[in-house]
């Protein structure tokens, strides 16, 4: 296994599942209250959401902060911000593939 494979495997383990990439992408625009993040997920399971947040925190991608005006909020660390280029490319790729699949089904 080459170094690229090891890096890809690590990346996919950190951002595994449908919830983690959505959380990180939502935070690219800045800190969010946890309730806002939770409400924007397609499948809402509080236990799973908390588990995903803990995983992102353990891997150094997010910070949690308690503030008086926003309550418990979440923001990306520098490591979390570094995911911006490839998450945006993945979103663009997915949009193009989705449009192509829609065009084929017509």
C-alpha atoms as a PDB file:
ATOM      1  CA  UNK A   1       0.000   0.000   0.000  1.00  0.00           C
ATOM      2  CA  UNK A   2       1.432   3.365  -1.034  1.00  0.00           C
ATOM      3  CA  UNK A   3       1.457   6.551   0.990  1.00  0.00           C
ATOM      4  CA  UNK A   4      -1.413   7.928  -1.118  1.00  0.00           C
ATOM      5  CA  UNK A   5      -3.534   4.918  -0.177  1.00  0.00           C
ATOM      6  CA  UNK A   6      -2.717   5.409   3.504  1.00  0.00           C
ATOM      7  CA  UNK A   7      -3.622   9.092   3.306  1.00  0.00           C
ATOM      8  CA  UNK A   8      -6.877   8.350   1.501  1.00  0.00           C
ATOM      9  CA  UNK A   9      -7.808   5.653   3.994  1.00  0.00           C
ATOM     10  CA  UNK A  10      -7.135   8.005   6.898  1.00  0.00           C
ATOM     11  CA  UNK A  11      -9.151  10.807   5.289  1.00  0.00           C
ATOM     12  CA  UNK A  12     -12.124   8.563   4.613  1.00  0.00           C
ATOM     13  CA  UNK A  13     -12.000   7.193   8.166  1.00  0.00           C
ATOM     14  CA  UNK A  14     -12.051  10.717   9.632  1.00  0.00           C
ATOM     15  CA  UNK A  15     -14.908  11.821   7.350  1.00  0.00           C
ATOM     16  CA  UNK A  16     -16.721   8.482   7.195  1.00  0.00           C
ATOM     17  CA  UNK A  17     -20.476   8.371   6.849  1.00  0.00           C
ATOM     18  CA  UNK A  18     -22.984  10.840   5.499  1.00  0.00           C
ATOM     19  CA  UNK A  19     -23.121  13.058   8.571  1.00  0.00           C
ATOM     20  CA  UNK A  20     -19.499  14.131   9.095  1.00  0.00           C
ATOM     21  CA  UNK A  21     -18.891  15.696   5.660  1.00  0.00           C
ATOM     22  CA  UNK A  22     -22.210  17.555   5.944  1.00  0.00           C
ATOM     23  CA  UNK A  23     -21.308  18.912   9.379  1.00  0.00           C
ATOM     24  CA  UNK A  24     -17.866  20.062   8.253  1.00  0.00           C
ATOM     25  CA  UNK A  25     -19.240  21.605   5.046  1.00  0.00           C
ATOM     26  CA  UNK A  26     -21.901  23.499   7.022  1.00  0.00           C
ATOM     27  CA  UNK A  27     -19.161  24.897   9.253  1.00  0.00           C
ATOM     28  CA  UNK A  28     -17.091  26.194   6.324  1.00  0.00           C
ATOM     29  CA  UNK A  29     -19.156  29.397   6.475  1.00  0.00           C
ATOM     30  CA  UNK A  30     -18.364  29.945  10.151  1.00  0.00           C
ATOM     31  CA  UNK A  31     -19.438  28.837  13.627  1.00  0.00           C
ATOM     32  CA  UNK A  32     -22.919  27.392  14.014  1.00  0.00           C
ATOM     33  CA  UNK A  33     -25.094  26.646  17.018  1.00  0.00           C
ATOM     34  CA  UNK A  34     -25.389  22.881  17.460  1.00  0.00           C
ATOM     35  CA  UNK A  35     -29.150  23.010  16.995  1.00  0.00           C
ATOM     36  CA  UNK A  36     -28.733  24.583  13.527  1.00  0.00           C
ATOM     37  CA  UNK A  37     -26.267  21.871  12.501  1.00  0.00           C
ATOM     38  CA  UNK A  38     -28.580  19.136  13.751  1.00  0.00           C
ATOM     39  CA  UNK A  39     -31.610  20.563  11.949  1.00  0.00           C
ATOM     40  CA  UNK A  40     -29.819  20.646   8.586  1.00  0.00           C
ATOM     41  CA  UNK A  41     -29.023  16.938   8.560  1.00  0.00           C
ATOM     42  CA  UNK A  42     -31.150  14.740   6.303  1.00  0.00           C
ATOM     43  CA  UNK A  43     -31.517  11.947   8.879  1.00  0.00           C
ATOM     44  CA  UNK A  44     -31.938  13.233  12.397  1.00  0.00           C
ATOM     45  CA  UNK A  45     -30.777  10.882  15.100  1.00  0.00           C
ATOM     46  CA  UNK A  46     -29.480  12.733  18.146  1.00  0.00           C
ATOM     47  CA  UNK A  47     -27.316   9.878  19.400  1.00  0.00           C
ATOM     48  CA  UNK A  48     -25.625   9.497  16.010  1.00  0.00           C
ATOM     49  CA  UNK A  49     -25.195  13.281  15.702  1.00  0.00           C
ATOM     50  CA  UNK A  50     -23.419  13.475  19.074  1.00  0.00           C
ATOM     51  CA  UNK A  51     -21.219  10.508  18.134  1.00  0.00           C
ATOM     52  CA  UNK A  52     -20.260  12.212  14.834  1.00  0.00           C
ATOM     53  CA  UNK A  53     -19.431  15.470  16.644  1.00  0.00           C
ATOM     54  CA  UNK A  54     -17.263  13.610  19.143  1.00  0.00           C
ATOM     55  CA  UNK A  55     -15.412  11.882  16.337  1.00  0.00           C
ATOM     56  CA  UNK A  56     -14.760  15.165  14.514  1.00  0.00           C
ATOM     57  CA  UNK A  57     -13.602  16.718  17.800  1.00  0.00           C
ATOM     58  CA  UNK A  58     -11.287  13.790  18.621  1.00  0.00           C
ATOM     59  CA  UNK A  59      -9.755  14.076  15.150  1.00  0.00           C
ATOM     60  CA  UNK A  60      -9.105  17.785  15.655  1.00  0.00           C
ATOM     61  CA  UNK A  61     -11.491  19.117  12.990  1.00  0.00           C
ATOM     62  CA  UNK A  62     -13.924  20.990  15.240  1.00  0.00           C
ATOM     63  CA  UNK A  63     -14.040  22.916  18.485  1.00  0.00           C
ATOM     64  CA  UNK A  64     -17.076  23.240  20.711  1.00  0.00           C
ATOM     65  CA  UNK A  65     -17.668  26.500  22.527  1.00  0.00           C
ATOM     66  CA  UNK A  66     -20.227  27.597  25.083  1.00  0.00           C
ATOM     67  CA  UNK A  67     -21.243  31.241  24.686  1.00  0.00           C
ATOM     68  CA  UNK A  68     -23.821  33.332  26.471  1.00  0.00           C
ATOM     69  CA  UNK A  69     -25.607  34.532  23.344  1.00  0.00           C
ATOM     70  CA  UNK A  70     -25.493  31.407  21.128  1.00  0.00           C
ATOM     71  CA  UNK A  71     -25.352  28.599  23.647  1.00  0.00           C
ATOM     72  CA  UNK A  72     -23.267  25.612  22.570  1.00  0.00           C
ATOM     73  CA  UNK A  73     -21.748  26.238  19.167  1.00  0.00           C
ATOM     74  CA  UNK A  74     -19.286  24.513  16.925  1.00  0.00           C
ATOM     75  CA  UNK A  75     -16.539  25.826  14.668  1.00  0.00           C
ATOM     76  CA  UNK A  76     -13.812  24.394  12.501  1.00  0.00           C
ATOM     77  CA  UNK A  77     -10.201  24.272  13.598  1.00  0.00           C
ATOM     78  CA  UNK A  78      -7.371  24.988  11.141  1.00  0.00           C
ATOM     79  CA  UNK A  79      -7.368  21.279  10.322  1.00  0.00           C
ATOM     80  CA  UNK A  80     -11.115  21.436   9.679  1.00  0.00           C
ATOM     81  CA  UNK A  81     -10.703  24.499   7.460  1.00  0.00           C
ATOM     82  CA  UNK A  82      -8.073  22.625   5.461  1.00  0.00           C
ATOM     83  CA  UNK A  83     -10.813  20.275   4.193  1.00  0.00           C
ATOM     84  CA  UNK A  84     -12.459  23.144   2.248  1.00  0.00           C
ATOM     85  CA  UNK A  85     -10.836  22.526  -1.169  1.00  0.00           C
ATOM     86  CA  UNK A  86     -11.617  18.847  -1.447  1.00  0.00           C
ATOM     87  CA  UNK A  87     -15.083  19.031   0.150  1.00  0.00           C
ATOM     88  CA  UNK A  88     -16.101  21.743  -2.326  1.00  0.00           C
ATOM     89  CA  UNK A  89     -14.677  19.663  -5.191  1.00  0.00           C
ATOM     90  CA  UNK A  90     -16.607  16.632  -3.954  1.00  0.00           C
ATOM     91  CA  UNK A  91     -19.804  18.691  -3.802  1.00  0.00           C
ATOM     92  CA  UNK A  92     -19.250  19.983  -7.343  1.00  0.00           C
ATOM     93  CA  UNK A  93     -18.494  16.483  -8.638  1.00  0.00           C
ATOM     94  CA  UNK A  94     -21.634  15.130  -6.949  1.00  0.00           C
ATOM     95  CA  UNK A  95     -23.790  17.879  -8.437  1.00  0.00           C
ATOM     96  CA  UNK A  96     -22.513  17.163 -11.951  1.00  0.00           C
ATOM     97  CA  UNK A  97     -23.002  13.400 -11.521  1.00  0.00           C
ATOM     98  CA  UNK A  98     -26.506  13.949 -10.142  1.00  0.00           C
ATOM     99  CA  UNK A  99     -27.422  16.154 -13.103  1.00  0.00           C
ATOM    100  CA  UNK A 100     -25.987  13.616 -15.544  1.00  0.00           C
ATOM    101  CA  UNK A 101     -27.972  10.812 -13.878  1.00  0.00           C
ATOM    102  CA  UNK A 102     -31.144  12.929 -14.082  1.00  0.00           C
ATOM    103  CA  UNK A 103     -30.533  13.633 -17.782  1.00  0.00           C
ATOM    104  CA  UNK A 104     -30.107   9.906 -18.505  1.00  0.00           C
ATOM    105  CA  UNK A 105     -33.363   9.018 -16.779  1.00  0.00           C
ATOM    106  CA  UNK A 106     -35.458  11.417 -18.883  1.00  0.00           C
END
